[in-house]
Amino acid sequence: MIRCHLARMMGEHKLRIADVARETGLSRATVTLLYKETAQKVDLDALDKLCRLFECDAVSYTHLTLPTIYSV
């Protein structure tokens, strides 16, 4: 699973969803889905705009969690 750190980054910069939408040109709905981590996909252009806003790279913005396989 890939998780994004938008909520954390917004908190660190004291930005609201409306602020991020206005600064990036992304729709409020897109920012909300990413903020709540309910987005099914992320457009690369959207990812680029968010990375430019927060002055980070895609690796800093996301986190890959590999599923754990349990053996019996």
N, C-alpha and C. Protein backbone atom coordinates (compact mmCIF):
# COMPACT_ATOMS: atom_id res chain seq x y z
N MET A 1 0.84 -1.17 0.00
CA MET A 1 0.00 0.00 0.00
C MET A 1 0.89 1.24 0.00
N ILE A 2 0.51 2.20 -0.77
CA ILE A 2 1.23 3.48 -0.79
C ILE A 2 0.41 4.49 0.00
N ARG A 3 1.04 5.11 0.97
CA ARG A 3 0.38 6.12 1.79
C ARG A 3 1.01 7.47 1.51
N CYS A 4 0.21 8.51 1.56
CA CYS A 4 0.78 9.84 1.36
C CYS A 4 0.80 10.59 2.69
N HIS A 5 1.67 11.54 2.76
CA HIS A 5 1.88 12.30 4.00
C HIS A 5 1.31 13.72 3.89
N LEU A 6 0.28 13.89 3.07
CA LEU A 6 -0.27 15.23 2.87
C LEU A 6 -0.78 15.83 4.17
N ALA A 7 -1.52 15.07 4.96
CA ALA A 7 -2.06 15.61 6.21
C ALA A 7 -0.94 16.10 7.14
N ARG A 8 0.11 15.30 7.25
CA ARG A 8 1.24 15.69 8.10
C ARG A 8 1.92 16.94 7.57
N MET A 9 2.13 16.98 6.25
CA MET A 9 2.82 18.12 5.66
C MET A 9 1.97 19.38 5.76
N MET A 10 0.66 19.23 5.59
CA MET A 10 -0.21 20.39 5.75
C MET A 10 -0.17 20.90 7.19
N GLY A 11 -0.15 19.98 8.15
CA GLY A 11 -0.07 20.38 9.55
C GLY A 11 1.21 21.11 9.86
N GLU A 12 2.32 20.62 9.32
CA GLU A 12 3.62 21.26 9.55
C GLU A 12 3.66 22.68 8.99
N HIS A 13 2.94 22.90 7.88
CA HIS A 13 2.94 24.22 7.24
C HIS A 13 1.70 25.04 7.60
N LYS A 14 0.86 24.48 8.49
CA LYS A 14 -0.36 25.14 8.94
C LYS A 14 -1.25 25.56 7.76
N LEU A 15 -1.45 24.62 6.83
CA LEU A 15 -2.29 24.87 5.66
C LEU A 15 -3.58 24.07 5.76
N ARG A 16 -4.65 24.65 5.25
CA ARG A 16 -5.94 23.97 5.18
C ARG A 16 -6.11 23.39 3.78
N ILE A 17 -7.11 22.54 3.61
CA ILE A 17 -7.39 21.96 2.30
C ILE A 17 -7.63 23.06 1.27
N ALA A 18 -8.38 24.08 1.65
CA ALA A 18 -8.65 25.19 0.73
C ALA A 18 -7.37 25.91 0.33
N ASP A 19 -6.44 26.06 1.25
CA ASP A 19 -5.16 26.71 0.95
C ASP A 19 -4.38 25.91 -0.08
N VAL A 20 -4.31 24.59 0.12
CA VAL A 20 -3.56 23.73 -0.80
C VAL A 20 -4.22 23.74 -2.18
N ALA A 21 -5.54 23.67 -2.21
CA ALA A 21 -6.26 23.70 -3.49
C ALA A 21 -5.97 25.01 -4.23
N ARG A 22 -6.03 26.11 -3.53
CA ARG A 22 -5.79 27.42 -4.15
C ARG A 22 -4.35 27.54 -4.64
N GLU A 23 -3.39 27.13 -3.84
CA GLU A 23 -1.97 27.28 -4.19
C GLU A 23 -1.54 26.36 -5.34
N THR A 24 -2.16 25.19 -5.43
CA THR A 24 -1.74 24.22 -6.44
C THR A 24 -2.62 24.23 -7.69
N GLY A 25 -3.84 24.74 -7.57
CA GLY A 25 -4.77 24.69 -8.69
C GLY A 25 -5.51 23.36 -8.77
N LEU A 26 -5.27 22.47 -7.79
CA LEU A 26 -5.98 21.20 -7.75
C LEU A 26 -7.38 21.43 -7.19
N SER A 27 -8.31 20.57 -7.56
CA SER A 27 -9.66 20.72 -7.03
C SER A 27 -9.66 20.39 -5.53
N ARG A 28 -10.61 20.99 -4.85
CA ARG A 28 -10.75 20.73 -3.42
C ARG A 28 -11.03 19.25 -3.19
N ALA A 29 -11.80 18.64 -4.09
CA ALA A 29 -12.13 17.21 -3.96
C ALA A 29 -10.87 16.35 -4.04
N THR A 30 -9.97 16.67 -4.96
CA THR A 30 -8.72 15.92 -5.10
C THR A 30 -7.88 16.04 -3.84
N VAL A 31 -7.73 17.25 -3.35
CA VAL A 31 -6.93 17.47 -2.14
C VAL A 31 -7.56 16.74 -0.95
N THR A 32 -8.87 16.77 -0.85
CA THR A 32 -9.56 16.08 0.25
C THR A 32 -9.32 14.58 0.20
N LEU A 33 -9.42 13.98 -0.99
CA LEU A 33 -9.18 12.55 -1.13
C LEU A 33 -7.76 12.18 -0.73
N LEU A 34 -6.80 13.00 -1.12
CA LEU A 34 -5.41 12.74 -0.75
C LEU A 34 -5.18 12.96 0.74
N TYR A 35 -5.80 13.98 1.28
CA TYR A 35 -5.67 14.30 2.71
C TYR A 35 -6.21 13.15 3.57
N LYS A 36 -7.36 12.61 3.17
CA LYS A 36 -7.99 11.53 3.93
C LYS A 36 -7.44 10.16 3.55
N GLU A 37 -6.53 10.12 2.58
CA GLU A 37 -5.92 8.89 2.08
C GLU A 37 -6.98 7.92 1.55
N THR A 38 -7.97 8.46 0.85
CA THR A 38 -9.01 7.63 0.23
C THR A 38 -8.94 7.65 -1.28
N ALA A 39 -7.95 8.35 -1.83
CA ALA A 39 -7.80 8.40 -3.29
C ALA A 39 -7.39 7.03 -3.82
N GLN A 40 -7.98 6.61 -4.92
CA GLN A 40 -7.67 5.33 -5.53
C GLN A 40 -6.45 5.44 -6.45
N LYS A 41 -6.19 6.66 -6.94
CA LYS A 41 -5.04 6.89 -7.81
C LYS A 41 -4.61 8.35 -7.66
N VAL A 42 -3.38 8.62 -8.04
CA VAL A 42 -2.85 9.98 -7.97
C VAL A 42 -2.27 10.33 -9.33
N ASP A 43 -2.73 11.42 -9.88
CA ASP A 43 -2.22 11.91 -11.15
C ASP A 43 -0.80 12.46 -10.92
N LEU A 44 0.11 12.15 -11.84
CA LEU A 44 1.50 12.62 -11.67
C LEU A 44 1.59 14.14 -11.66
N ASP A 45 0.72 14.81 -12.40
CA ASP A 45 0.71 16.27 -12.39
C ASP A 45 0.31 16.79 -11.01
N ALA A 46 -0.67 16.13 -10.39
CA ALA A 46 -1.08 16.53 -9.03
C ALA A 46 0.05 16.31 -8.04
N LEU A 47 0.72 15.17 -8.17
CA LEU A 47 1.86 14.88 -7.29
C LEU A 47 2.96 15.92 -7.47
N ASP A 48 3.22 16.31 -8.71
CA ASP A 48 4.24 17.33 -8.99
C ASP A 48 3.86 18.66 -8.36
N LYS A 49 2.62 19.06 -8.47
CA LYS A 49 2.17 20.33 -7.89
C LYS A 49 2.30 20.32 -6.37
N LEU A 50 1.95 19.21 -5.75
CA LEU A 50 2.08 19.12 -4.29
C LEU A 50 3.54 19.13 -3.86
N CYS A 51 4.37 18.45 -4.60
CA CYS A 51 5.80 18.44 -4.27
C CYS A 51 6.42 19.82 -4.43
N ARG A 52 5.99 20.55 -5.43
CA ARG A 52 6.50 21.92 -5.60
C ARG A 52 6.03 22.82 -4.46
N LEU A 53 4.77 22.67 -4.06
CA LEU A 53 4.24 23.49 -2.97
C LEU A 53 5.00 23.23 -1.67
N PHE A 54 5.25 21.96 -1.36
CA PHE A 54 5.91 21.61 -0.11
C PHE A 54 7.42 21.47 -0.24
N GLU A 55 7.93 21.79 -1.43
CA GLU A 55 9.37 21.73 -1.70
C GLU A 55 9.95 20.38 -1.26
N CYS A 56 9.35 19.32 -1.77
CA CYS A 56 9.80 17.97 -1.45
C CYS A 56 9.82 17.13 -2.72
N ASP A 57 10.28 15.91 -2.60
CA ASP A 57 10.22 15.00 -3.75
C ASP A 57 9.15 13.94 -3.47
N ALA A 58 8.85 13.14 -4.47
CA ALA A 58 7.79 12.14 -4.33
C ALA A 58 8.10 11.12 -3.24
N VAL A 59 9.36 10.85 -3.01
CA VAL A 59 9.75 9.89 -1.97
C VAL A 59 9.41 10.45 -0.59
N SER A 60 9.61 11.74 -0.38
CA SER A 60 9.29 12.36 0.91
C SER A 60 7.78 12.45 1.12
N TYR A 61 7.04 12.53 0.03
CA TYR A 61 5.59 12.72 0.07
C TYR A 61 4.85 11.41 0.31
N THR A 62 5.44 10.30 -0.09
CA THR A 62 4.75 9.01 -0.01
C THR A 62 5.53 8.01 0.83
N HIS A 63 4.86 6.95 1.17
CA HIS A 63 5.48 5.86 1.94
C HIS A 63 4.90 4.55 1.43
N LEU A 64 5.74 3.61 1.08
CA LEU A 64 5.30 2.31 0.59
C LEU A 64 5.32 1.32 1.75
N THR A 65 4.17 0.71 2.00
CA THR A 65 4.06 -0.31 3.03
C THR A 65 3.80 -1.64 2.34
N LEU A 66 4.69 -2.58 2.52
CA LEU A 66 4.52 -3.89 1.92
C LEU A 66 3.68 -4.76 2.85
N PRO A 67 2.76 -5.56 2.27
CA PRO A 67 1.95 -6.43 3.12
C PRO A 67 2.81 -7.48 3.81
N THR A 68 2.46 -7.79 5.02
CA THR A 68 3.16 -8.82 5.78
C THR A 68 2.50 -10.17 5.51
N ILE A 69 3.31 -11.15 5.19
CA ILE A 69 2.78 -12.49 4.93
C ILE A 69 3.12 -13.36 6.13
N TYR A 70 2.09 -13.90 6.73
CA TYR A 70 2.28 -14.73 7.92
C TYR A 70 2.29 -16.20 7.51
N SER A 71 3.18 -16.95 8.07
CA SER A 71 3.21 -18.38 7.81
C SER A 71 2.76 -19.11 9.08
N VAL A 72 2.12 -20.22 8.86
CA VAL A 72 1.59 -20.99 10.00
C VAL A 72 2.54 -22.09 10.37
